[in-house]
């Protein structure tokens, strides 16, 4: 019962974060909201794994975590420099 309540609470938090992504006052706020959505998705998958009493979702948790981290780094680099991949070659 506690796991079901936790899944519902985290799902409501994801809906609130989606609102922040859409109506965020600034772009950094939107990036932070996207990062928080990734963290909450990991939590929902982990709680689903606990609820179903299986280890089948552990790889999915790792994949979501890695993609969320890479996305956050890419957005941060884009906000800082304006480009994601630098093509500076020192010959």
C-alpha atoms as a PDB file:
ATOM      1  CA  UNK A   1       0.000   0.000   0.000  1.00  0.00           C
ATOM      2  CA  UNK A   2       2.848   2.402   0.819  1.00  0.00           C
ATOM      3  CA  UNK A   3       4.503   1.737  -2.551  1.00  0.00           C
ATOM      4  CA  UNK A   4       1.257   2.516  -4.394  1.00  0.00           C
ATOM      5  CA  UNK A   5       0.879   5.802  -2.506  1.00  0.00           C
ATOM      6  CA  UNK A   6       4.508   6.709  -3.252  1.00  0.00           C
ATOM      7  CA  UNK A   7       4.017   6.012  -6.984  1.00  0.00           C
ATOM      8  CA  UNK A   8       0.938   8.254  -7.041  1.00  0.00           C
ATOM      9  CA  UNK A   9       2.745  11.060  -5.163  1.00  0.00           C
ATOM     10  CA  UNK A  10       5.739  10.947  -7.495  1.00  0.00           C
ATOM     11  CA  UNK A  11       3.422  10.910 -10.519  1.00  0.00           C
ATOM     12  CA  UNK A  12       1.728  14.065  -9.240  1.00  0.00           C
ATOM     13  CA  UNK A  13       5.179  15.616  -8.773  1.00  0.00           C
ATOM     14  CA  UNK A  14       6.025  14.754 -12.387  1.00  0.00           C
ATOM     15  CA  UNK A  15       2.854  16.521 -13.529  1.00  0.00           C
ATOM     16  CA  UNK A  16       3.880  19.606 -11.543  1.00  0.00           C
ATOM     17  CA  UNK A  17       7.335  19.495 -13.107  1.00  0.00           C
ATOM     18  CA  UNK A  18       5.805  19.224 -16.576  1.00  0.00           C
ATOM     19  CA  UNK A  19       3.950  22.448 -15.837  1.00  0.00           C
ATOM     20  CA  UNK A  20       7.280  24.027 -14.842  1.00  0.00           C
ATOM     21  CA  UNK A  21       8.885  22.821 -18.086  1.00  0.00           C
ATOM     22  CA  UNK A  22       6.098  24.331 -20.171  1.00  0.00           C
ATOM     23  CA  UNK A  23       5.501  27.588 -18.272  1.00  0.00           C
ATOM     24  CA  UNK A  24       8.906  28.048 -16.613  1.00  0.00           C
ATOM     25  CA  UNK A  25       9.911  31.665 -16.178  1.00  0.00           C
ATOM     26  CA  UNK A  26      13.472  31.080 -17.371  1.00  0.00           C
ATOM     27  CA  UNK A  27      15.315  28.466 -19.388  1.00  0.00           C
ATOM     28  CA  UNK A  28      17.492  27.323 -16.447  1.00  0.00           C
ATOM     29  CA  UNK A  29      14.287  26.639 -14.486  1.00  0.00           C
ATOM     30  CA  UNK A  30      13.112  24.436 -17.337  1.00  0.00           C
ATOM     31  CA  UNK A  31      16.407  22.541 -17.404  1.00  0.00           C
ATOM     32  CA  UNK A  32      16.221  21.899 -13.668  1.00  0.00           C
ATOM     33  CA  UNK A  33      12.635  20.696 -14.065  1.00  0.00           C
ATOM     34  CA  UNK A  34      13.692  18.290 -16.825  1.00  0.00           C
ATOM     35  CA  UNK A  35      16.444  16.943 -14.592  1.00  0.00           C
ATOM     36  CA  UNK A  36      13.968  16.478 -11.752  1.00  0.00           C
ATOM     37  CA  UNK A  37      11.606  14.643 -14.109  1.00  0.00           C
ATOM     38  CA  UNK A  38      14.429  12.237 -14.936  1.00  0.00           C
ATOM     39  CA  UNK A  39      15.087  11.626 -11.247  1.00  0.00           C
ATOM     40  CA  UNK A  40      11.391  11.070 -10.586  1.00  0.00           C
ATOM     41  CA  UNK A  41      11.168   8.637 -13.506  1.00  0.00           C
ATOM     42  CA  UNK A  42      13.965   6.608 -11.946  1.00  0.00           C
ATOM     43  CA  UNK A  43      12.012   6.603  -8.674  1.00  0.00           C
ATOM     44  CA  UNK A  44       8.784   5.482 -10.363  1.00  0.00           C
ATOM     45  CA  UNK A  45      10.537   2.634 -12.167  1.00  0.00           C
ATOM     46  CA  UNK A  46      12.282   1.583  -8.947  1.00  0.00           C
ATOM     47  CA  UNK A  47       9.005   1.603  -7.021  1.00  0.00           C
ATOM     48  CA  UNK A  48       7.322  -0.351  -9.802  1.00  0.00           C
ATOM     49  CA  UNK A  49      10.123  -2.887  -9.584  1.00  0.00           C
ATOM     50  CA  UNK A  50       9.567  -3.160  -5.825  1.00  0.00           C
ATOM     51  CA  UNK A  51       5.802  -3.465  -6.296  1.00  0.00           C
ATOM     52  CA  UNK A  52       6.154  -6.238  -8.886  1.00  0.00           C
ATOM     53  CA  UNK A  53       8.946  -7.937  -6.869  1.00  0.00           C
ATOM     54  CA  UNK A  54      11.268  -8.259  -9.829  1.00  0.00           C
ATOM     55  CA  UNK A  55      14.779  -7.230 -10.830  1.00  0.00           C
ATOM     56  CA  UNK A  56      13.861  -6.848 -14.496  1.00  0.00           C
ATOM     57  CA  UNK A  57      13.755  -3.053 -14.380  1.00  0.00           C
ATOM     58  CA  UNK A  58      17.232  -2.427 -12.984  1.00  0.00           C
ATOM     59  CA  UNK A  59      18.750  -1.934 -16.438  1.00  0.00           C
ATOM     60  CA  UNK A  60      15.986   0.531 -17.288  1.00  0.00           C
ATOM     61  CA  UNK A  61      16.772   2.495 -14.128  1.00  0.00           C
ATOM     62  CA  UNK A  62      20.428   2.733 -15.142  1.00  0.00           C
ATOM     63  CA  UNK A  63      19.529   3.757 -18.694  1.00  0.00           C
ATOM     64  CA  UNK A  64      17.159   6.509 -17.565  1.00  0.00           C
ATOM     65  CA  UNK A  65      19.739   7.785 -15.076  1.00  0.00           C
ATOM     66  CA  UNK A  66      22.514   7.921 -17.665  1.00  0.00           C
ATOM     67  CA  UNK A  67      20.313   9.611 -20.282  1.00  0.00           C
ATOM     68  CA  UNK A  68      19.049  12.127 -17.739  1.00  0.00           C
ATOM     69  CA  UNK A  69      22.608  13.007 -16.707  1.00  0.00           C
ATOM     70  CA  UNK A  70      23.813  13.379 -20.294  1.00  0.00           C
ATOM     71  CA  UNK A  71      20.798  15.521 -21.158  1.00  0.00           C
ATOM     72  CA  UNK A  72      21.378  17.797 -18.185  1.00  0.00           C
ATOM     73  CA  UNK A  73      25.049  18.229 -19.056  1.00  0.00           C
ATOM     74  CA  UNK A  74      24.196  18.973 -22.697  1.00  0.00           C
ATOM     75  CA  UNK A  75      21.551  21.559 -21.769  1.00  0.00           C
ATOM     76  CA  UNK A  76      23.900  23.191 -19.261  1.00  0.00           C
ATOM     77  CA  UNK A  77      26.709  23.394 -21.805  1.00  0.00           C
ATOM     78  CA  UNK A  78      24.315  24.836 -24.376  1.00  0.00           C
ATOM     79  CA  UNK A  79      23.124  27.491 -21.930  1.00  0.00           C
ATOM     80  CA  UNK A  80      26.684  28.397 -20.995  1.00  0.00           C
ATOM     81  CA  UNK A  81      28.344  28.502 -24.434  1.00  0.00           C
ATOM     82  CA  UNK A  82      25.531  28.401 -26.991  1.00  0.00           C
ATOM     83  CA  UNK A  83      26.846  25.207 -28.593  1.00  0.00           C
ATOM     84  CA  UNK A  84      26.958  21.620 -27.426  1.00  0.00           C
ATOM     85  CA  UNK A  85      29.894  20.280 -29.436  1.00  0.00           C
ATOM     86  CA  UNK A  86      32.952  22.493 -29.826  1.00  0.00           C
ATOM     87  CA  UNK A  87      34.804  22.232 -33.120  1.00  0.00           C
ATOM     88  CA  UNK A  88      37.975  23.987 -31.939  1.00  0.00           C
ATOM     89  CA  UNK A  89      40.999  22.380 -33.540  1.00  0.00           C
ATOM     90  CA  UNK A  90      44.422  23.702 -32.686  1.00  0.00           C
ATOM     91  CA  UNK A  91      46.624  22.916 -35.681  1.00  0.00           C
END
